[in-house]
Amino acid sequence: MFNQIFIGIILVLAFGSWWLYSENVTLKENAVKLESAVEEQKATITALQTSYEKQGKSLTNLQRNFNQIEQEKDQYLAIFSRHNFDKLAQAKPGLMEMRFNNGTAEVFGDIENDSKNISELDAPDIP
C-alpha cells in the first residue's frame, strides 16, 4: 500500500515537472518572440521619428516659402494700387504692351521652371 502511494506521488511529481518544463519552454519561446517584436517596434518608432523630423523641416520650408510669396504678392498688389494701368495703356500703348509681354514671359518661364523642378522630384533617379 505504501509503495502504491509512493509511486502515485512520484507519478504526480513527474507529470507536474514535465508540465512545468513544457510551460517554461513555451514561455522562453514567447519571450524571444516578444523581444524581436520590441526591437521591430523600436525600429519603427525610430523611422517614424525620422520621418516626423523631415516633415517638420519640410513644413518649415513651405511656410517660409509661403511667407515669401505672400510678401511678393503684397508688393505686386501695391504696384497695382498705385498705378492706373488703363490710363497708362491709353497714353503709352507701346511701352505698356512691351512691359506686360515681358512680365508675362517671365511668369511663364517661372511656371515652366517650377513644373520642371516638381516633375524631377517625382522622377526616379536615373544614372
Protein backbone atom coordinates (compact mmCIF):
# COMPACT_ATOMS: atom_id res chain seq x y z
CA MET A 1 0.00 0.00 0.00
CA PHE A 2 2.78 2.40 0.93
CA ASN A 3 4.54 1.55 -2.34
CA GLN A 4 1.44 2.42 -4.37
CA ILE A 5 1.08 5.82 -2.68
CA PHE A 6 4.78 6.46 -3.13
CA ILE A 7 4.55 5.52 -6.84
CA GLY A 8 1.44 7.74 -7.19
CA ILE A 9 3.26 10.69 -5.62
CA ILE A 10 6.26 10.11 -7.91
CA LEU A 11 3.96 9.98 -10.96
CA VAL A 12 2.18 13.19 -9.92
CA LEU A 13 5.54 14.92 -9.34
CA ALA A 14 6.89 13.62 -12.66
CA PHE A 15 3.80 14.81 -14.54
CA GLY A 16 3.95 18.17 -12.74
CA SER A 17 7.63 18.53 -13.57
CA TRP A 18 7.02 17.67 -17.22
CA TRP A 19 4.16 20.18 -17.39
CA LEU A 20 6.25 22.93 -15.78
CA TYR A 21 9.14 22.16 -18.13
CA SER A 22 6.89 22.39 -21.21
CA GLU A 23 5.40 25.66 -19.90
CA ASN A 24 8.91 27.01 -19.32
CA VAL A 25 9.91 26.14 -22.91
CA THR A 26 6.77 27.83 -24.24
CA LEU A 27 7.40 30.93 -22.12
CA LYS A 28 11.01 31.15 -23.32
CA GLU A 29 9.86 30.92 -26.96
CA ASN A 30 7.28 33.62 -26.32
CA ALA A 31 9.89 35.80 -24.63
CA VAL A 32 12.15 35.53 -27.69
CA LYS A 33 9.23 36.44 -29.96
CA LEU A 34 8.33 39.40 -27.76
CA GLU A 35 11.93 40.63 -27.72
CA SER A 36 12.07 40.55 -31.51
CA ALA A 37 8.71 42.34 -31.67
CA VAL A 38 10.02 45.01 -29.28
CA GLU A 39 13.12 45.51 -31.46
CA GLU A 40 10.91 45.80 -34.52
CA GLN A 41 8.74 48.36 -32.75
CA LYS A 42 11.81 50.36 -31.72
CA ALA A 43 13.00 50.40 -35.33
CA THR A 44 9.55 51.51 -36.46
CA ILE A 45 9.46 54.27 -33.85
CA THR A 46 12.90 55.48 -34.94
CA ALA A 47 11.78 55.52 -38.58
CA LEU A 48 8.62 57.42 -37.66
CA GLN A 49 10.60 59.97 -35.65
CA THR A 50 12.96 60.50 -38.56
CA SER A 51 10.03 60.91 -40.92
CA TYR A 52 8.37 63.33 -38.48
CA GLU A 53 11.53 65.44 -38.31
CA LYS A 54 11.78 65.53 -42.11
CA GLN A 55 8.14 66.54 -42.38
CA GLY A 56 8.68 69.25 -39.78
CA LYS A 57 11.61 70.67 -41.73
CA SER A 58 9.62 70.49 -44.97
CA LEU A 59 6.69 72.24 -43.32
CA THR A 60 9.00 74.97 -42.03
CA ASN A 61 10.46 75.44 -45.52
CA LEU A 62 6.97 75.52 -47.04
CA GLN A 63 5.86 78.11 -44.51
CA ARG A 64 8.95 80.21 -45.24
CA ASN A 65 8.27 79.98 -48.99
CA PHE A 66 4.62 80.82 -48.43
CA ASN A 67 5.56 83.91 -46.43
CA GLN A 68 7.96 85.00 -49.17
CA ILE A 69 5.28 84.52 -51.83
CA GLU A 70 2.80 86.47 -49.70
CA GLN A 71 5.29 89.36 -49.47
CA GLU A 72 5.79 89.32 -53.24
CA LYS A 73 2.02 89.29 -53.74
CA ASP A 74 1.68 92.28 -51.43
CA GLN A 75 4.38 94.13 -53.39
CA TYR A 76 2.61 93.44 -56.69
CA LEU A 77 -0.74 94.47 -55.28
CA ALA A 78 0.84 97.68 -54.01
CA ILE A 79 2.12 98.39 -57.53
CA PHE A 80 -1.34 97.78 -58.98
CA SER A 81 -2.95 100.03 -56.39
CA ARG A 82 -0.52 102.90 -57.11
CA HIS A 83 -0.97 102.89 -60.90
CA ASN A 84 -3.90 103.22 -63.22
CA PHE A 85 -2.89 100.79 -65.95
CA ASP A 86 -5.89 101.60 -68.16
CA LYS A 87 -4.86 105.23 -68.29
CA LEU A 88 -1.18 104.35 -68.85
CA ALA A 89 -2.05 101.86 -71.60
CA GLN A 90 -4.09 104.51 -73.43
CA ALA A 91 -1.37 107.14 -73.02
CA LYS A 92 1.63 104.92 -73.86
CA PRO A 93 0.39 101.70 -75.51
CA GLY A 94 3.75 100.59 -76.92
CA LEU A 95 5.57 100.93 -73.59
CA MET A 96 2.84 99.17 -71.64
CA GLU A 97 2.49 96.35 -74.17
CA MET A 98 6.23 95.66 -74.05
CA ARG A 99 6.26 95.63 -70.22
CA PHE A 100 3.21 93.40 -69.98
CA ASN A 101 4.60 90.98 -72.56
CA ASN A 102 7.99 90.83 -70.83
CA GLY A 103 6.31 90.29 -67.46
CA THR A 104 4.07 87.56 -68.87
CA ALA A 105 7.07 85.81 -70.45
CA GLU A 106 8.90 85.96 -67.14
CA VAL A 107 5.93 84.49 -65.25
CA PHE A 108 5.53 81.69 -67.79
CA GLY A 109 9.26 80.96 -67.57
CA ASP A 110 8.99 80.73 -63.78
CA ILE A 111 5.99 78.40 -64.06
CA GLU A 112 7.92 76.23 -66.52
CA ASN A 113 10.92 76.03 -64.19
CA ASP A 114 8.74 75.24 -61.19
CA SER A 115 6.93 72.50 -63.14
CA LYS A 116 10.26 71.04 -64.24
CA ASN A 117 11.55 71.03 -60.65
CA ILE A 118 8.38 69.36 -59.39
CA SER A 119 8.48 66.68 -62.09
CA GLU A 120 12.13 65.96 -61.24
CA LEU A 121 11.13 65.34 -57.63
CA ASP A 122 8.71 62.61 -58.73
CA ALA A 123 11.03 61.06 -61.33
CA PRO A 124 13.20 58.13 -60.24
CA ASP A 125 16.93 58.70 -60.16
CA ILE A 126 18.40 57.59 -63.48
CA PRO A 127 22.20 57.38 -63.66
